[in-house]
Amino acid sequence: MQYRTLGSQGLKVSAVGYGTMGLTMAYGPGDTEQGIAAIRRAHDLGVTFFDTAEFYGLGTGSNEKLLGRAVKGFRDEVVLGTKFGIDMSLPPEQIGGALDSRPENIRKVADNSLRHLGVDHIDVFYQHRVDPDVPIEDVAGTVKELIDAGKVKYFGLSEAGPRTIRRAHAVQPVSVLQSEYSLFERDSEQVFPTLDELGIGFVAYAPLGRGFITGGAKPAGQYDATDMRNTDARWQPGNFEKNIEAVKQLADLASTKQATVSQLALAWLLAQGEHTVPIPGTRSPERVEENTRAADLTLTGTDLTAINAILPHGGFGARYGEGYAPIWT
């Protein structure tokens, strides 16, 4: 495994991380023991960066508890990131529809996350989404208090744009921005000049297009009823066929590198900058091994040109449906 430094605050992590969201939500029923096995296999292979969130447990803390249990024997060898800012007081079916980054809630989430993870500090504490009702200066100031108290080491943002990042960074240096980024989703590239200027790292979530780029995508309606891909625009008729064809072309290119399409997609992300780290998630220890090997795949300029020719602007279909726009401000 190779290692990278995210930004200028000293946050050093494996070049390929691991995202835990899918272990407990969004992709159908999960298996706790299988999830723990996948996390521990990732650690065996050199992965040191694990991502979770209060939200992923839908108010129960289940995702953080699972991660904490999995890394208990090697907690000091890994970097754990979690997130605050979702209103968890709503009924489970409505969670995610409202935000809450009030200072008192940030402090409460920090204490809950410390308890759920079973740790004495959080390595990276992200604001999950920009809250238009709470000044970002108040958010950054509250995280600064937590850093000063030793409860948190690094401050992160998610889905934020240049103005928000600058305002937060002026109060408490931002170590990393996390946003969706993959061959299927390119919008976050508009923030990269700001990150480079300020010395902020970038974490790419959903780096395999929510699983589409693994080559095993099925049409919408063929997944478990709780799986978000049933309603994702990329899986709908019209878009689905175009995305399947793009992945087939990527797989053909990957085969010339003796690699899988997933490895090609992750290697492409790693080639976008030394301060970029993808966090693919999987429930399979075998997939973990496949993903981590992407760190050893070198792409040439010719390879990158060929990849961009296949998907020059991302995949077909908006990631959260038509009319959705992230807060790039």
Protein backbone atom coordinates (compact mmCIF):
# COMPACT_ATOMS: atom_id res chain seq x y z
CA MET A 1 0.00 0.00 0.00
CA GLN A 2 1.12 3.53 -0.75
CA TYR A 3 0.37 6.44 1.57
CA ARG A 4 -0.56 10.05 1.01
CA THR A 5 -0.78 13.25 3.01
CA LEU A 6 -4.15 14.96 2.79
CA GLY A 7 -3.55 18.68 2.80
CA SER A 8 -1.03 20.65 4.82
CA GLN A 9 -2.13 19.80 8.38
CA GLY A 10 -0.26 16.48 8.57
CA LEU A 11 -3.09 14.02 7.91
CA LYS A 12 -1.37 10.91 6.52
CA VAL A 13 -3.50 8.03 5.23
CA SER A 14 -3.41 5.06 2.86
CA ALA A 15 -3.80 5.95 -0.82
CA VAL A 16 -7.03 3.90 -0.88
CA GLY A 17 -9.37 4.17 2.09
CA TYR A 18 -12.59 2.40 3.04
CA GLY A 19 -16.11 3.83 3.27
CA THR A 20 -18.52 2.08 5.61
CA MET A 21 -21.90 3.60 4.64
CA GLY A 22 -23.03 0.60 2.62
CA LEU A 23 -22.52 -1.77 5.53
CA THR A 24 -25.67 -0.52 7.25
CA MET A 25 -27.74 1.51 4.75
CA ALA A 26 -28.59 2.38 1.14
CA TYR A 27 -27.69 -0.96 -0.49
CA GLY A 28 -30.08 -3.42 1.08
CA PRO A 29 -29.73 -5.43 4.30
CA GLY A 30 -26.19 -5.82 5.58
CA ASP A 31 -24.35 -8.46 7.59
CA THR A 32 -22.43 -7.16 10.60
CA GLU A 33 -19.92 -10.00 10.73
CA GLN A 34 -19.24 -9.79 7.01
CA GLY A 35 -18.73 -6.03 7.36
CA ILE A 36 -16.27 -6.50 10.20
CA ALA A 37 -14.41 -9.09 8.13
CA ALA A 38 -14.15 -6.67 5.21
CA ILE A 39 -12.80 -3.88 7.43
CA ARG A 40 -10.23 -6.18 9.02
CA ARG A 41 -9.15 -7.46 5.62
CA ALA A 42 -8.66 -3.87 4.51
CA HIS A 43 -6.40 -3.27 7.51
CA ASP A 44 -4.43 -6.44 6.72
CA LEU A 45 -3.80 -5.02 3.25
CA GLY A 46 -2.51 -1.69 4.55
CA VAL A 47 -5.63 0.44 4.54
CA THR A 48 -5.42 2.98 7.36
CA PHE A 49 -8.30 5.36 6.52
CA PHE A 50 -11.87 4.42 7.50
CA ASP A 51 -14.94 6.62 7.00
CA THR A 52 -18.24 6.52 8.87
CA ALA A 53 -20.96 8.95 10.03
CA GLU A 54 -23.66 9.39 12.61
CA PHE A 55 -26.16 9.43 9.73
CA TYR A 56 -25.16 5.96 8.51
CA GLY A 57 -26.69 4.47 11.64
CA LEU A 58 -29.98 6.36 11.20
CA GLY A 59 -30.00 7.42 14.82
CA THR A 60 -28.83 4.12 16.31
CA GLY A 61 -25.06 4.56 16.09
CA SER A 62 -24.90 1.15 14.40
CA ASN A 63 -22.40 2.07 11.70
CA GLU A 64 -19.95 3.74 14.07
CA LYS A 65 -20.32 0.86 16.53
CA LEU A 66 -19.58 -1.67 13.80
CA LEU A 67 -16.45 0.21 12.75
CA GLY A 68 -15.32 0.68 16.33
CA ARG A 69 -15.72 -3.02 17.02
CA ALA A 70 -13.82 -3.96 13.85
CA VAL A 71 -10.77 -1.76 14.56
CA LYS A 72 -10.63 -2.23 18.31
CA GLY A 73 -7.48 -4.34 18.13
CA PHE A 74 -5.57 -1.86 15.96
CA ARG A 75 -7.23 1.49 16.61
CA ASP A 76 -3.88 3.30 17.01
CA GLU A 77 -2.82 2.18 13.54
CA VAL A 78 -5.74 3.75 11.68
CA VAL A 79 -7.39 7.09 10.96
CA LEU A 80 -11.13 7.26 11.68
CA GLY A 81 -13.36 9.91 10.15
CA THR A 82 -16.97 10.57 11.09
CA LYS A 83 -19.52 13.31 10.47
CA PHE A 84 -22.05 15.63 12.10
CA GLY A 85 -24.76 17.93 10.83
CA ILE A 86 -27.83 15.81 10.02
CA ASP A 87 -30.99 16.25 12.09
CA MET A 88 -31.34 12.84 13.70
CA SER A 89 -34.44 13.75 15.73
CA LEU A 90 -36.76 12.96 12.82
CA PRO A 91 -38.41 9.57 12.19
CA PRO A 92 -36.02 7.14 10.42
CA GLU A 93 -37.78 7.49 7.07
CA GLN A 94 -37.27 11.27 7.17
CA ILE A 95 -33.67 11.37 8.43
CA GLY A 96 -31.45 13.04 5.88
CA GLY A 97 -34.04 15.59 4.91
CA ALA A 98 -33.00 18.21 7.46
CA LEU A 99 -29.71 19.59 8.72
CA ASP A 100 -28.50 20.57 12.18
CA SER A 101 -25.05 22.09 12.59
CA ARG A 102 -25.86 24.15 15.67
CA PRO A 103 -22.86 24.22 18.02
CA GLU A 104 -24.73 22.35 20.74
CA ASN A 105 -25.57 19.56 18.31
CA ILE A 106 -21.98 19.34 17.05
CA ARG A 107 -20.76 18.87 20.62
CA LYS A 108 -23.44 16.24 21.28
CA VAL A 109 -22.59 14.31 18.11
CA ALA A 110 -18.88 14.37 18.98
CA ASP A 111 -19.55 12.81 22.37
CA ASN A 112 -21.91 10.24 20.87
CA SER A 113 -19.41 9.31 18.16
CA LEU A 114 -16.58 8.93 20.66
CA ARG A 115 -18.78 6.55 22.64
CA HIS A 116 -20.04 4.59 19.61
CA LEU A 117 -16.56 4.20 18.15
CA GLY A 118 -15.09 3.37 21.54
CA VAL A 119 -12.22 5.84 21.13
CA ASP A 120 -10.81 8.82 23.02
CA HIS A 121 -10.54 11.07 19.96
CA ILE A 122 -11.95 11.42 16.45
CA ASP A 123 -9.26 11.75 13.80
CA VAL A 124 -11.33 13.62 11.20
CA PHE A 125 -14.62 15.33 12.07
CA TYR A 126 -16.57 16.46 9.00
CA GLN A 127 -19.58 18.68 8.60
CA HIS A 128 -21.77 16.27 6.61
CA ARG A 129 -23.50 18.96 4.57
CA VAL A 130 -23.36 22.76 4.58
CA ASP A 131 -26.15 24.08 6.83
CA PRO A 132 -27.56 27.34 5.44
CA ASP A 133 -29.08 28.16 8.84
CA VAL A 134 -25.80 28.12 10.77
CA PRO A 135 -22.87 30.40 9.84
CA ILE A 136 -19.89 28.29 8.81
CA GLU A 137 -17.76 30.38 11.16
CA ASP A 138 -19.80 29.05 14.10
CA VAL A 139 -19.33 25.50 12.83
CA ALA A 140 -15.57 25.91 12.39
CA GLY A 141 -15.28 27.61 15.77
CA THR A 142 -17.06 24.75 17.51
CA VAL A 143 -14.83 22.15 15.87
CA LYS A 144 -11.83 24.26 16.88
CA GLU A 145 -13.00 24.00 20.50
CA LEU A 146 -13.19 20.22 20.13
CA ILE A 147 -9.69 20.14 18.63
CA ASP A 148 -8.35 22.28 21.46
CA ALA A 149 -10.03 19.90 23.93
CA GLY A 150 -8.33 16.87 22.35
CA LYS A 151 -11.58 15.26 21.19
CA VAL A 152 -10.87 15.87 17.49
CA LYS A 153 -7.62 16.04 15.49
CA TYR A 154 -8.61 17.34 12.03
CA PHE A 155 -11.53 19.36 10.60
CA GLY A 156 -13.26 18.31 7.40
CA LEU A 157 -16.10 19.57 5.20
CA SER A 158 -18.31 17.69 2.76
CA GLU A 159 -19.97 18.96 -0.44
CA ALA A 160 -18.85 22.53 0.28
CA GLY A 161 -17.81 25.14 -2.28
CA PRO A 162 -15.01 27.73 -2.43
CA ARG A 163 -16.62 30.53 -0.40
CA THR A 164 -17.71 28.22 2.41
CA ILE A 165 -14.32 26.53 2.49
CA ARG A 166 -12.48 29.86 2.69
CA ARG A 167 -14.69 31.18 5.48
CA ALA A 168 -14.29 27.98 7.51
CA HIS A 169 -10.55 27.79 6.87
CA ALA A 170 -10.07 31.30 8.24
CA VAL A 171 -11.42 30.16 11.63
CA GLN A 172 -10.03 26.62 11.81
CA PRO A 173 -7.78 25.16 9.10
CA VAL A 174 -9.69 22.64 7.02
CA SER A 175 -7.65 19.51 6.43
CA VAL A 176 -9.87 17.77 3.92
CA LEU A 177 -12.97 18.13 1.75
CA GLN A 178 -15.04 15.03 1.05
CA SER A 179 -17.40 14.97 -1.93
CA GLU A 180 -18.68 12.50 -4.48
CA TYR A 181 -16.12 12.10 -7.25
CA SER A 182 -15.68 9.39 -9.84
CA LEU A 183 -15.63 8.82 -13.56
CA PHE A 184 -19.41 9.15 -13.27
CA GLU A 185 -19.43 12.36 -11.18
CA ARG A 186 -17.10 15.26 -12.03
CA ASP A 187 -18.77 18.36 -10.50
CA SER A 188 -16.36 18.59 -7.58
CA GLU A 189 -13.49 19.39 -9.94
CA GLN A 190 -14.57 23.03 -9.81
CA VAL A 191 -13.41 23.19 -6.17
CA PHE A 192 -9.92 21.77 -6.78
CA PRO A 193 -8.16 25.12 -7.44
CA THR A 194 -9.33 26.38 -4.03
CA LEU A 195 -8.16 23.20 -2.31
CA ASP A 196 -4.75 23.46 -3.98
CA GLU A 197 -4.41 27.10 -2.98
CA LEU A 198 -5.30 26.49 0.67
CA GLY A 199 -3.48 23.18 1.07
CA ILE A 200 -6.59 21.05 1.64
CA GLY A 201 -6.81 17.35 0.76
CA PHE A 202 -9.68 15.70 -1.08
CA VAL A 203 -11.53 12.48 -0.22
CA ALA A 204 -13.61 10.95 -3.02
CA TYR A 205 -16.70 9.10 -1.84
CA ALA A 206 -18.71 6.81 -4.14
CA PRO A 207 -15.56 6.49 -6.27
CA LEU A 208 -17.03 3.54 -8.18
CA GLY A 209 -20.25 5.33 -9.13
CA ARG A 210 -22.25 3.68 -6.32
CA GLY A 211 -21.13 0.31 -7.64
CA PHE A 212 -21.99 0.84 -11.29
CA ILE A 213 -18.31 0.92 -12.32
CA THR A 214 -17.64 -2.49 -10.79
CA GLY A 215 -19.21 -4.04 -13.87
CA GLY A 216 -22.02 -5.77 -11.99
CA ALA A 217 -24.81 -3.21 -12.39
CA LYS A 218 -28.39 -4.40 -12.81
CA PRO A 219 -31.33 -2.30 -14.04
CA ALA A 220 -33.37 -0.35 -11.51
CA GLY A 221 -36.01 -2.51 -9.87
CA GLN A 222 -33.79 -5.59 -9.63
CA TYR A 223 -32.28 -4.63 -6.27
CA ASP A 224 -33.62 -5.03 -2.73
CA ALA A 225 -36.51 -2.65 -2.05
CA THR A 226 -34.34 -0.60 0.33
CA ASP A 227 -31.53 -0.14 -2.22
CA MET A 228 -31.09 3.45 -3.39
CA ARG A 229 -30.06 2.32 -6.86
CA ASN A 230 -33.68 1.52 -7.70
CA THR A 231 -34.33 5.26 -7.89
CA ASP A 232 -30.89 6.52 -8.97
CA ALA A 233 -31.13 8.24 -12.36
CA ARG A 234 -28.06 6.41 -13.64
CA TRP A 235 -29.91 3.10 -13.38
CA GLN A 236 -33.04 4.25 -15.21
CA PRO A 237 -33.90 3.22 -18.78
CA GLY A 238 -32.02 5.31 -21.30
CA ASN A 239 -29.22 6.27 -18.95
CA PHE A 240 -28.60 2.69 -17.83
CA GLU A 241 -27.77 1.40 -21.30
CA LYS A 242 -25.38 4.29 -22.01
CA ASN A 243 -23.59 3.78 -18.70
CA ILE A 244 -23.32 0.03 -19.30
CA GLU A 245 -21.66 0.70 -22.66
CA ALA A 246 -19.22 3.18 -21.09
CA VAL A 247 -18.24 0.68 -18.39
CA LYS A 248 -17.75 -2.00 -21.06
CA GLN A 249 -15.31 0.29 -22.88
CA LEU A 250 -13.51 1.02 -19.60
CA ALA A 251 -13.29 -2.70 -18.87
CA ASP A 252 -11.76 -3.33 -22.29
CA LEU A 253 -9.11 -0.70 -21.56
CA ALA A 254 -8.52 -2.15 -18.08
CA SER A 255 -7.91 -5.60 -19.56
CA THR A 256 -4.94 -4.21 -21.50
CA LYS A 257 -3.44 -3.22 -18.13
CA GLN A 258 -4.20 -6.66 -16.59
CA ALA A 259 -6.60 -4.82 -14.27
CA THR A 260 -10.29 -4.80 -13.45
CA VAL A 261 -12.57 -1.90 -14.33
CA SER A 262 -12.82 -1.00 -10.63
CA GLN A 263 -9.05 -0.80 -10.36
CA LEU A 264 -8.88 1.38 -13.48
CA ALA A 265 -11.49 3.77 -12.04
CA LEU A 266 -9.70 4.05 -8.69
CA ALA A 267 -6.30 4.49 -10.35
CA TRP A 268 -7.81 7.30 -12.44
CA LEU A 269 -8.84 9.06 -9.23
CA LEU A 270 -5.40 8.63 -7.71
CA ALA A 271 -3.91 10.17 -10.87
CA GLN A 272 -5.93 13.36 -10.38
CA GLY A 273 -3.60 14.65 -7.67
CA GLU A 274 -1.30 13.60 -4.86
CA HIS A 275 -3.75 14.93 -2.25
CA THR A 276 -6.71 12.84 -3.47
CA VAL A 277 -7.78 9.61 -1.75
CA PRO A 278 -10.81 7.48 -2.74
CA ILE A 279 -12.81 5.60 -0.11
CA PRO A 280 -14.58 2.73 -1.90
CA GLY A 281 -17.00 0.73 0.19
CA THR A 282 -17.77 -2.96 -0.10
CA ARG A 283 -19.18 -5.78 1.99
CA SER A 284 -16.82 -8.29 0.39
CA PRO A 285 -13.30 -9.01 1.67
CA GLU A 286 -12.46 -10.15 -1.87
CA ARG A 287 -13.56 -6.80 -3.30
CA VAL A 288 -11.46 -5.06 -0.66
CA GLU A 289 -8.40 -6.84 -1.98
CA GLU A 290 -9.28 -5.90 -5.55
CA ASN A 291 -9.77 -2.24 -4.64
CA THR A 292 -6.55 -1.89 -2.67
CA ARG A 293 -4.49 -3.23 -5.57
CA ALA A 294 -5.52 -0.13 -7.54
CA ALA A 295 -2.86 1.80 -5.61
CA ASP A 296 -0.23 -0.17 -7.54
CA LEU A 297 -1.73 0.50 -10.97
CA THR A 298 0.08 3.23 -12.92
CA LEU A 299 -1.80 4.97 -15.73
CA THR A 300 0.05 6.64 -18.58
CA GLY A 301 -0.94 9.88 -20.26
CA THR A 302 -2.31 7.81 -23.12
CA ASP A 303 -4.44 5.81 -20.68
CA LEU A 304 -5.85 8.96 -19.09
CA THR A 305 -6.68 10.41 -22.51
CA ALA A 306 -8.49 7.22 -23.48
CA ILE A 307 -10.46 7.17 -20.22
CA ASN A 308 -11.54 10.79 -20.62
CA ALA A 309 -12.64 10.09 -24.18
CA ILE A 310 -15.01 7.40 -22.90
CA LEU A 311 -16.54 9.58 -20.17
CA PRO A 312 -15.47 13.19 -20.73
CA HIS A 313 -18.15 14.75 -18.52
CA GLY A 314 -19.22 11.97 -16.17
CA GLY A 315 -21.90 9.33 -16.36
CA PHE A 316 -25.38 9.57 -17.81
CA GLY A 317 -28.05 10.70 -15.34
CA ALA A 318 -27.91 13.19 -12.47
CA ARG A 319 -26.67 11.60 -9.23
CA TYR A 320 -29.69 12.64 -7.13
CA GLY A 321 -32.23 13.15 -9.88
CA GLU A 322 -33.00 16.08 -12.12
CA GLY A 323 -32.96 19.48 -10.47
CA TYR A 324 -30.54 18.48 -7.69
CA ALA A 325 -27.62 20.85 -7.16
CA PRO A 326 -24.94 20.47 -4.47
CA ILE A 327 -24.00 23.54 -2.45
CA TRP A 328 -20.91 24.65 -4.38
CA THR A 329 -20.77 28.03 -2.60
